[in-house]
Amino acid sequence: MSTTGLPFDDIRDLVRTMPGPDGAAVHAARHREEELTKPAGSLGRLEELAQWLAAWQGGAPHVDRPLVAVFAGNHGVTRKGVSAFPPEVTAQMVANFAAGGAAINQICATYDLSLKVYDLALEIPTEDFTEDAAMDERTCAATMAFGMEVLMDKPDLLCIGEMGIGNTTVAAAIFAALFGGTGADWAGAGTGMGGDALARKAAVIDWGLAFHKGHLSDPLEVLRRLGGREIAAMAGAILGARHQKVPVIVDGFVATAAAAVLHKLDPRSLDHCLFGHVSAEQGHMKALEKMGKVPLLALGMRLGEGTGAALAAGIVRAAARCHRDMATFAQAAVSNRD
């Protein structure tokens, strides 16, 4: 429990008490892989995915209750002209998700994934991080706790995604604060910025870094000062999933920023996470490399919405199905090699 009563103390306690992987489950999964009707290792990364599921589910790998959780938030920094779209589009897209009209709806339908969208006080944007902290500590910690509530549905695989006009600026600022560099090193096209507009976006990030200079050595301070509600909620969901033994697929550039905060607190905090894809945002691969993570897909996407994570979930589901339902050499009366 927290010792000082500060809201972030409970988050730090959760990081300190994270459970590890189930070694016995991994051993059992590897043994079954050796008995399936295929040459050893011939399914490549699919075999690794099955073992990853086993490690964090604590038993035979399965994907029966997958959930895509999309968190939506608005950002005060959009007033600085960092997006090609107005902030009203966030709420409009949330309505589009509810109506089934977005890309994420079609991908979830294709792979039989449940989808839930969480509106995080869209009518109350965070503060402009070039002028103030985006959130106070209590708000940030409470939003992380809210993100953990997605586990109440008891998914056996969680995919996290987001929606928020301006949030690639926020994510780029978080990466710069955590890993070093300037706005130009991390800012990308986002919703379609280029030329002078992209230069302005990079400059806004630099203004924010300068405003908060001296307060960015703590990853949770980085999150509350520069981040958004959807990023805090995704970080909470990742951490909550770890304690509930639920493997996580992280989506693109913005979702990876949420994961990066936890990585900086403890690199082991992402061992239960798979990074679904590398997006077309120029800083995404750089961030993954900083964390030593290898994405599953590279499709040139930069939409967000959890789309890359949902596509990866289809592959993970296939890996679990192969592991569970393929015949063994004995069952199929197929001769194994000596």
Protein backbone atom coordinates (compact mmCIF):
# COMPACT_ATOMS: atom_id res chain seq x y z
CA MET A 1 0.00 0.00 0.00
CA SER A 2 1.07 3.59 -0.45
CA THR A 3 3.22 5.05 2.30
CA THR A 4 2.86 8.77 1.61
CA GLY A 5 -0.73 8.86 0.42
CA LEU A 6 0.21 10.27 -2.98
CA PRO A 7 -1.89 8.82 -5.82
CA PHE A 8 1.11 7.55 -7.80
CA ASP A 9 2.32 5.47 -4.84
CA ASP A 10 -0.34 2.85 -5.55
CA ILE A 11 0.78 2.67 -9.19
CA ARG A 12 4.40 2.17 -8.12
CA ASP A 13 3.27 -0.58 -5.72
CA LEU A 14 1.53 -2.38 -8.57
CA VAL A 15 4.71 -2.20 -10.66
CA ARG A 16 6.78 -3.56 -7.77
CA THR A 17 4.43 -6.51 -7.21
CA MET A 18 3.93 -7.64 -10.83
CA PRO A 19 3.63 -11.42 -11.22
CA GLY A 20 6.05 -13.19 -13.54
CA PRO A 21 5.48 -15.76 -16.28
CA ASP A 22 4.34 -19.32 -15.58
CA GLY A 23 7.38 -21.47 -16.36
CA ALA A 24 5.50 -24.76 -16.05
CA ALA A 25 2.92 -23.63 -18.61
CA VAL A 26 5.67 -22.64 -21.04
CA HIS A 27 7.35 -26.02 -20.58
CA ALA A 28 4.06 -27.81 -21.29
CA ALA A 29 3.45 -25.71 -24.40
CA ARG A 30 6.92 -26.46 -25.74
CA HIS A 31 6.44 -30.16 -25.14
CA ARG A 32 3.15 -30.15 -27.05
CA GLU A 33 4.76 -28.24 -29.94
CA GLU A 34 7.26 -31.09 -30.24
CA GLU A 35 4.42 -33.60 -30.63
CA LEU A 36 2.39 -31.77 -33.30
CA THR A 37 2.35 -32.93 -36.90
CA LYS A 38 4.98 -30.57 -38.28
CA PRO A 39 8.74 -30.28 -38.34
CA ALA A 40 10.05 -28.68 -35.15
CA GLY A 41 10.01 -24.89 -35.41
CA SER A 42 8.27 -24.88 -38.79
CA LEU A 43 5.51 -22.53 -37.65
CA GLY A 44 8.14 -19.98 -36.69
CA ARG A 45 6.81 -17.09 -34.68
CA LEU A 46 3.39 -18.72 -34.33
CA GLU A 47 5.03 -21.21 -31.97
CA GLU A 48 6.55 -18.35 -29.99
CA LEU A 49 3.13 -16.70 -29.75
CA ALA A 50 1.55 -19.86 -28.37
CA GLN A 51 4.24 -20.09 -25.72
CA TRP A 52 3.85 -16.40 -24.90
CA LEU A 53 0.13 -16.93 -24.33
CA ALA A 54 0.84 -19.92 -22.11
CA ALA A 55 3.37 -17.97 -20.05
CA TRP A 56 0.93 -15.20 -19.19
CA GLN A 57 -2.35 -17.11 -19.12
CA GLY A 58 -0.81 -19.72 -16.85
CA GLY A 59 -2.02 -22.74 -18.80
CA ALA A 60 -2.76 -24.08 -22.26
CA PRO A 61 -2.83 -21.13 -24.70
CA HIS A 62 -6.29 -20.03 -25.79
CA VAL A 63 -8.07 -17.02 -27.26
CA ASP A 64 -11.76 -17.42 -26.48
CA ARG A 65 -12.63 -13.98 -25.07
CA PRO A 66 -10.49 -11.41 -26.91
CA LEU A 67 -11.29 -7.76 -26.28
CA VAL A 68 -10.26 -4.63 -28.16
CA ALA A 69 -10.45 -1.64 -25.82
CA VAL A 70 -10.31 1.78 -27.48
CA PHE A 71 -9.84 4.80 -25.22
CA ALA A 72 -10.74 8.28 -26.45
CA GLY A 73 -9.47 11.57 -25.04
CA ASN A 74 -9.11 15.22 -26.02
CA HIS A 75 -6.07 17.45 -25.62
CA GLY A 76 -5.66 21.12 -24.83
CA VAL A 77 -2.51 21.29 -26.95
CA THR A 78 -4.67 21.07 -30.10
CA ARG A 79 -5.21 24.81 -29.66
CA LYS A 80 -1.65 25.21 -30.94
CA GLY A 81 -2.63 23.89 -34.38
CA VAL A 82 -0.90 20.51 -34.18
CA SER A 83 -3.54 18.53 -36.07
CA ALA A 84 -5.15 18.72 -39.50
CA PHE A 85 -8.53 17.99 -37.84
CA PRO A 86 -10.44 19.87 -35.12
CA PRO A 87 -10.89 18.26 -31.67
CA GLU A 88 -14.62 17.78 -32.34
CA VAL A 89 -13.63 14.85 -34.57
CA THR A 90 -12.75 12.76 -31.51
CA ALA A 91 -16.38 12.63 -30.35
CA GLN A 92 -17.59 12.22 -33.92
CA MET A 93 -15.36 9.19 -34.37
CA VAL A 94 -16.51 7.71 -31.07
CA ALA A 95 -20.05 7.95 -32.45
CA ASN A 96 -18.82 6.29 -35.64
CA PHE A 97 -17.37 3.42 -33.59
CA ALA A 98 -20.72 3.02 -31.83
CA ALA A 99 -22.50 2.94 -35.20
CA GLY A 100 -20.12 0.29 -36.55
CA GLY A 101 -18.72 2.50 -39.28
CA ALA A 102 -14.99 2.62 -38.51
CA ALA A 103 -12.11 0.46 -39.68
CA ILE A 104 -11.76 -1.10 -36.24
CA ASN A 105 -15.37 -2.31 -36.40
CA GLN A 106 -14.70 -4.18 -39.64
CA ILE A 107 -11.48 -5.77 -38.39
CA CYS A 108 -13.11 -6.88 -35.13
CA ALA A 109 -16.00 -8.39 -37.09
CA THR A 110 -13.59 -10.23 -39.37
CA TYR A 111 -11.68 -11.84 -36.50
CA ASP A 112 -14.60 -12.20 -34.05
CA LEU A 113 -13.14 -9.78 -31.51
CA SER A 114 -15.21 -7.93 -28.93
CA LEU A 115 -14.91 -4.13 -29.07
CA LYS A 116 -15.48 -1.59 -26.31
CA VAL A 117 -14.92 2.15 -26.64
CA TYR A 118 -14.34 4.36 -23.61
CA ASP A 119 -15.10 8.09 -23.77
CA LEU A 120 -12.75 9.80 -21.28
CA ALA A 121 -14.41 13.14 -20.55
CA LEU A 122 -14.15 14.39 -24.12
CA GLU A 123 -15.90 17.61 -23.14
CA ILE A 124 -13.01 18.41 -20.76
CA PRO A 125 -9.70 18.37 -22.67
CA THR A 126 -6.48 18.04 -20.74
CA GLU A 127 -4.53 21.24 -20.19
CA ASP A 128 -2.22 22.53 -22.91
CA PHE A 129 1.14 21.00 -21.96
CA THR A 130 3.03 24.02 -23.27
CA GLU A 131 1.44 26.12 -20.52
CA ASP A 132 0.63 23.74 -17.66
CA ALA A 133 0.71 20.08 -16.68
CA ALA A 134 -1.79 18.15 -18.79
CA MET A 135 -3.20 16.49 -15.64
CA ASP A 136 -2.69 16.65 -11.91
CA GLU A 137 -1.44 13.54 -10.16
CA ARG A 138 -4.84 12.52 -8.81
CA THR A 139 -6.51 12.77 -12.21
CA CYS A 140 -3.74 10.83 -13.91
CA ALA A 141 -3.73 8.03 -11.32
CA ALA A 142 -7.52 7.82 -11.34
CA THR A 143 -7.52 7.55 -15.13
CA MET A 144 -4.97 4.75 -14.96
CA ALA A 145 -7.24 2.99 -12.46
CA PHE A 146 -10.18 3.46 -14.83
CA GLY A 147 -8.15 1.78 -17.58
CA MET A 148 -7.73 -1.24 -15.33
CA GLU A 149 -11.51 -1.68 -15.23
CA VAL A 150 -11.47 -3.18 -18.75
CA LEU A 151 -10.34 -6.38 -17.03
CA MET A 152 -13.74 -6.68 -15.34
CA ASP A 153 -14.98 -8.31 -18.56
CA LYS A 154 -12.41 -11.07 -17.98
CA PRO A 155 -10.85 -11.15 -21.46
CA ASP A 156 -8.20 -13.76 -22.15
CA LEU A 157 -6.45 -11.44 -24.63
CA LEU A 158 -6.55 -7.64 -24.46
CA CYS A 159 -5.83 -5.31 -27.39
CA ILE A 160 -5.45 -1.62 -26.57
CA GLY A 161 -6.06 1.27 -28.95
CA GLU A 162 -7.01 4.93 -28.87
CA MET A 163 -8.72 7.87 -30.50
CA GLY A 164 -7.80 11.48 -29.84
CA ILE A 165 -7.16 14.41 -32.13
CA GLY A 166 -3.71 15.76 -31.34
CA ASN A 167 -2.48 12.65 -29.56
CA THR A 168 0.43 11.91 -31.88
CA THR A 169 1.86 15.22 -30.69
CA VAL A 170 1.36 14.11 -27.11
CA ALA A 171 2.90 10.69 -27.79
CA ALA A 172 5.91 12.24 -29.53
CA ALA A 173 6.46 14.53 -26.55
CA ILE A 174 6.35 11.54 -24.20
CA PHE A 175 8.90 9.65 -26.28
CA ALA A 176 11.21 12.67 -26.38
CA ALA A 177 10.98 13.05 -22.60
CA LEU A 178 11.56 9.34 -21.94
CA PHE A 179 14.20 8.56 -24.56
CA GLY A 180 15.74 11.92 -25.39
CA GLY A 181 15.74 14.03 -28.53
CA THR A 182 13.74 16.95 -29.88
CA GLY A 183 10.30 17.39 -31.33
CA ALA A 184 11.69 16.98 -34.83
CA ASP A 185 13.16 13.60 -33.85
CA TRP A 186 9.77 12.18 -32.87
CA ALA A 187 7.00 14.16 -34.58
CA GLY A 188 5.38 12.51 -37.59
CA ALA A 189 2.55 13.12 -40.02
CA GLY A 190 -0.21 12.06 -37.63
CA THR A 191 -3.48 12.95 -39.35
CA GLY A 192 -1.60 14.25 -42.38
CA MET A 193 0.70 17.07 -41.28
CA GLY A 194 3.60 18.07 -43.50
CA GLY A 195 5.84 21.01 -44.35
CA ASP A 196 5.35 24.07 -42.14
CA ALA A 197 2.57 22.37 -40.19
CA LEU A 198 4.85 19.49 -39.22
CA ALA A 199 7.57 21.95 -38.23
CA ARG A 200 5.04 23.75 -36.00
CA LYS A 201 4.09 20.42 -34.42
CA ALA A 202 7.75 19.73 -33.62
CA ALA A 203 8.19 23.22 -32.20
CA VAL A 204 5.16 22.79 -29.93
CA ILE A 205 6.72 19.60 -28.55
CA ASP A 206 9.94 21.46 -27.86
CA TRP A 207 8.00 24.22 -26.05
CA GLY A 208 6.41 21.59 -23.83
CA LEU A 209 9.70 19.91 -23.06
CA ALA A 210 11.23 23.25 -22.16
CA PHE A 211 8.26 24.25 -19.98
CA HIS A 212 8.51 21.04 -17.92
CA LYS A 213 12.31 20.85 -17.86
CA GLY A 214 13.56 19.56 -14.54
CA HIS A 215 10.40 17.52 -13.87
CA LEU A 216 10.72 14.78 -16.49
CA SER A 217 13.04 12.26 -14.81
CA ASP A 218 10.07 10.35 -13.33
CA PRO A 219 8.08 8.45 -16.00
CA LEU A 220 4.80 9.02 -14.17
CA GLU A 221 5.50 12.74 -14.09
CA VAL A 222 6.13 12.57 -17.84
CA LEU A 223 2.75 10.90 -18.24
CA ARG A 224 0.79 13.43 -16.19
CA ARG A 225 2.60 16.53 -17.47
CA LEU A 226 2.65 15.66 -21.18
CA GLY A 227 0.16 12.85 -21.60
CA GLY A 228 -3.55 12.47 -22.22
CA ARG A 229 -6.35 10.60 -20.52
CA GLU A 230 -6.40 7.89 -23.18
CA ILE A 231 -2.66 7.32 -22.76
CA ALA A 232 -2.99 7.11 -18.97
CA ALA A 233 -5.91 4.68 -19.32
CA MET A 234 -3.94 2.44 -21.70
CA ALA A 235 -0.99 2.38 -19.28
CA GLY A 236 -3.39 1.38 -16.52
CA ALA A 237 -4.95 -1.32 -18.68
CA ILE A 238 -1.52 -2.82 -19.43
CA LEU A 239 -0.61 -2.85 -15.75
CA GLY A 240 -3.97 -4.24 -14.68
CA ALA A 241 -3.73 -6.98 -17.29
CA ARG A 242 -0.37 -8.05 -15.87
CA HIS A 243 -1.89 -8.57 -12.44
CA GLN A 244 -4.87 -10.44 -13.93
CA LYS A 245 -2.61 -12.70 -16.03
CA VAL A 246 -3.99 -11.42 -19.34
CA PRO A 247 -1.60 -11.01 -22.31
CA VAL A 248 -1.81 -7.68 -24.11
CA ILE A 249 -1.38 -6.59 -27.73
CA VAL A 250 -0.29 -2.96 -28.01
CA ASP A 251 -1.37 -0.98 -31.07
CA GLY A 252 0.58 1.81 -32.73
CA PHE A 253 2.52 4.98 -32.00
CA VAL A 254 0.23 6.42 -29.32
CA ALA A 255 -0.48 3.12 -27.55
CA THR A 256 3.25 2.44 -27.53
CA ALA A 257 3.80 5.74 -25.70
CA ALA A 258 1.59 4.43 -22.89
CA ALA A 259 3.65 1.23 -22.79
CA ALA A 260 6.89 3.22 -22.82
CA VAL A 261 5.97 4.92 -19.54
CA LEU A 262 5.72 1.51 -17.86
CA HIS A 263 8.90 0.33 -19.57
CA LYS A 264 10.78 3.24 -18.03
CA LEU A 265 9.40 2.33 -14.60
CA ASP A 266 10.50 -1.29 -15.03
CA PRO A 267 11.46 -2.92 -18.37
CA ARG A 268 9.90 -6.19 -17.18
CA SER A 269 6.49 -4.51 -17.04
CA LEU A 270 5.98 -5.19 -20.76
CA ASP A 271 6.98 -8.87 -20.81
CA HIS A 272 3.31 -9.82 -21.17
CA CYS A 273 2.89 -7.46 -24.13
CA LEU A 274 3.10 -8.06 -27.86
CA PHE A 275 3.50 -5.05 -30.13
CA GLY A 276 1.01 -5.69 -32.89
CA HIS A 277 2.60 -3.60 -35.63
CA VAL A 278 5.02 -0.84 -36.47
CA SER A 279 3.14 2.14 -37.80
CA ALA A 280 4.13 4.62 -40.48
CA GLU A 281 4.79 7.29 -37.83
CA GLN A 282 8.49 8.08 -38.13
CA GLY A 283 9.22 7.64 -34.42
CA HIS A 284 7.43 4.36 -33.84
CA MET A 285 10.18 1.95 -34.90
CA LYS A 286 12.70 4.05 -33.01
CA ALA A 287 10.63 3.73 -29.83
CA LEU A 288 10.26 -0.04 -30.27
CA GLU A 289 14.00 -0.37 -30.73
CA LYS A 290 14.62 1.66 -27.57
CA MET A 291 12.53 -0.89 -25.69
CA GLY A 292 13.97 -3.92 -27.48
CA LYS A 293 10.60 -4.92 -28.94
CA VAL A 294 9.96 -6.58 -32.32
CA PRO A 295 6.57 -5.78 -33.89
CA LEU A 296 4.50 -8.56 -35.43
CA LEU A 297 3.30 -6.66 -38.52
CA ALA A 298 4.51 -3.83 -40.73
CA LEU A 299 1.67 -2.67 -42.97
CA GLY A 300 2.38 1.04 -43.29
CA MET A 301 -0.66 1.90 -41.15
CA ARG A 302 -1.05 5.00 -38.97
CA LEU A 303 -4.77 5.04 -38.19
CA GLY A 304 -4.81 4.10 -34.53
CA GLU A 305 -8.19 2.85 -33.22
CA GLY A 306 -6.50 -0.42 -32.20
CA THR A 307 -6.51 -1.53 -35.84
CA GLY A 308 -2.96 -2.92 -35.89
CA ALA A 309 -3.47 -4.68 -32.57
CA ALA A 310 -6.72 -6.24 -33.80
CA LEU A 311 -5.06 -7.52 -36.97
CA ALA A 312 -2.30 -9.03 -34.84
CA ALA A 313 -4.96 -10.64 -32.62
CA GLY A 314 -6.15 -12.61 -35.64
CA ILE A 315 -2.67 -14.09 -35.99
CA VAL A 316 -2.41 -14.77 -32.26
CA ARG A 317 -5.78 -16.49 -32.38
CA ALA A 318 -4.53 -18.69 -35.23
CA ALA A 319 -1.40 -19.54 -33.23
CA ALA A 320 -3.51 -20.65 -30.26
CA ARG A 321 -5.83 -22.65 -32.51
CA CYS A 322 -2.93 -24.46 -34.19
CA HIS A 323 -1.43 -25.29 -30.82
CA ARG A 324 -4.72 -26.57 -29.43
CA ASP A 325 -6.31 -28.36 -32.37
CA MET A 326 -3.51 -29.74 -34.54
CA ALA A 327 -3.14 -33.49 -34.26
CA THR A 328 -0.10 -35.00 -32.64
CA PHE A 329 2.02 -37.51 -34.54
CA ALA A 330 0.47 -40.29 -32.45
CA GLN A 331 -3.12 -39.13 -33.04
CA ALA A 332 -2.65 -38.83 -36.81
CA ALA A 333 -0.59 -42.01 -37.14
CA VAL A 334 2.13 -39.97 -38.82
CA SER A 335 5.70 -41.16 -38.35
CA ASN A 336 7.88 -38.76 -36.41
CA ARG A 337 11.57 -38.52 -37.14
CA ASP A 338 13.84 -40.74 -35.09
